[in-house]
Protein backbone atom coordinates (compact mmCIF):
# COMPACT_ATOMS: atom_id res chain seq x y z
CA MET A 1 -17.11 -13.49 -7.38
CA HIS A 2 -14.00 -15.44 -6.38
CA HIS A 3 -12.66 -15.55 -2.84
CA SER A 4 -9.57 -17.32 -1.62
CA ALA A 5 -10.39 -20.41 0.41
CA GLY A 6 -10.25 -19.85 4.14
CA VAL A 7 -9.98 -16.07 3.88
CA PRO A 8 -13.06 -14.35 5.26
CA ARG A 9 -13.91 -11.22 3.29
CA SER A 10 -16.51 -8.57 3.74
CA GLU A 11 -18.33 -6.79 0.97
CA ASP A 12 -18.01 -3.60 3.03
CA PRO A 13 -14.57 -1.94 2.77
CA ALA A 14 -15.38 0.33 5.74
CA ARG A 15 -16.08 -2.72 7.91
CA ASP A 16 -12.86 -4.37 6.77
CA LEU A 17 -10.92 -1.21 7.63
CA ASN A 18 -12.55 -0.98 11.07
CA ASN A 19 -11.76 -4.65 11.73
CA GLN A 20 -8.12 -4.16 10.76
CA ILE A 21 -7.87 -1.10 13.01
CA ALA A 22 -9.46 -2.99 15.93
CA GLU A 23 -7.04 -5.90 15.54
CA LEU A 24 -4.02 -3.61 15.41
CA GLU A 25 -5.25 -1.61 18.41
CA ASP A 26 -5.35 -4.87 20.35
CA ARG A 27 -1.84 -5.79 19.21
CA VAL A 28 -0.48 -2.34 20.11
CA ALA A 29 -2.17 -2.53 23.53
CA HIS A 30 -0.23 -5.73 24.29
CA PRO A 31 3.33 -5.08 23.09
CA MET A 32 4.79 -7.82 25.29
CA HIS A 33 3.50 -10.38 22.79
CA TRP A 34 5.55 -8.92 19.92
CA THR A 35 9.19 -8.24 19.20
CA LYS A 36 10.22 -4.59 19.19
CA GLY A 37 10.30 -4.64 15.37
CA GLU A 38 6.87 -6.25 15.11
CA HIS A 39 5.44 -3.74 17.59
CA GLN A 40 6.84 -0.85 15.57
CA LEU A 41 5.35 -2.30 12.38
CA ASN A 42 1.99 -2.67 14.13
CA LEU A 43 2.14 0.99 15.24
CA THR A 44 3.05 2.19 11.77
CA ARG A 45 0.30 0.14 10.12
CA LEU A 46 -2.24 1.33 12.71
CA HIS A 47 -1.36 4.98 12.06
CA LYS A 48 -1.73 4.45 8.30
CA LEU A 49 -5.11 2.75 8.68
CA ILE A 50 -6.42 5.47 11.01
CA TYR A 51 -5.30 8.09 8.50
CA GLU A 52 -7.05 6.16 5.70
CA LYS A 53 -10.26 5.91 7.77
CA LYS A 54 -10.23 9.66 8.45
CA ARG A 55 -9.64 10.35 4.75
CA ARG A 56 -12.53 8.09 3.75
CA ASP A 57 -14.84 9.54 6.40
CA LYS A 58 -14.02 13.07 5.27
CA ALA A 59 -14.64 12.14 1.62
CA ALA A 60 -17.94 10.49 2.50
CA ALA A 61 -19.04 13.51 4.53
CA SER A 62 -18.31 15.81 1.59
CA GLY A 63 -20.10 13.51 -0.83
CA HIS A 64 -17.01 12.39 -2.72
CA SER A 65 -15.97 8.82 -3.30
CA PRO A 66 -12.51 8.03 -1.87
CA ALA A 67 -10.01 6.98 -4.54
């Protein structure tokens, strides 16, 4: 398996998704550190990741693999 140097990666996509959500939640909680445009991008990305997590959780609960 090949990984880019200096880029930590997990073998668990669910963990990666949770980590991304946690980081964006922190960014959104502290908007004073970001420009208005960056803050809006962080919000949009967070909403997309939360939607993806719910979709994956629902698929896992029903026994289907998320595509």
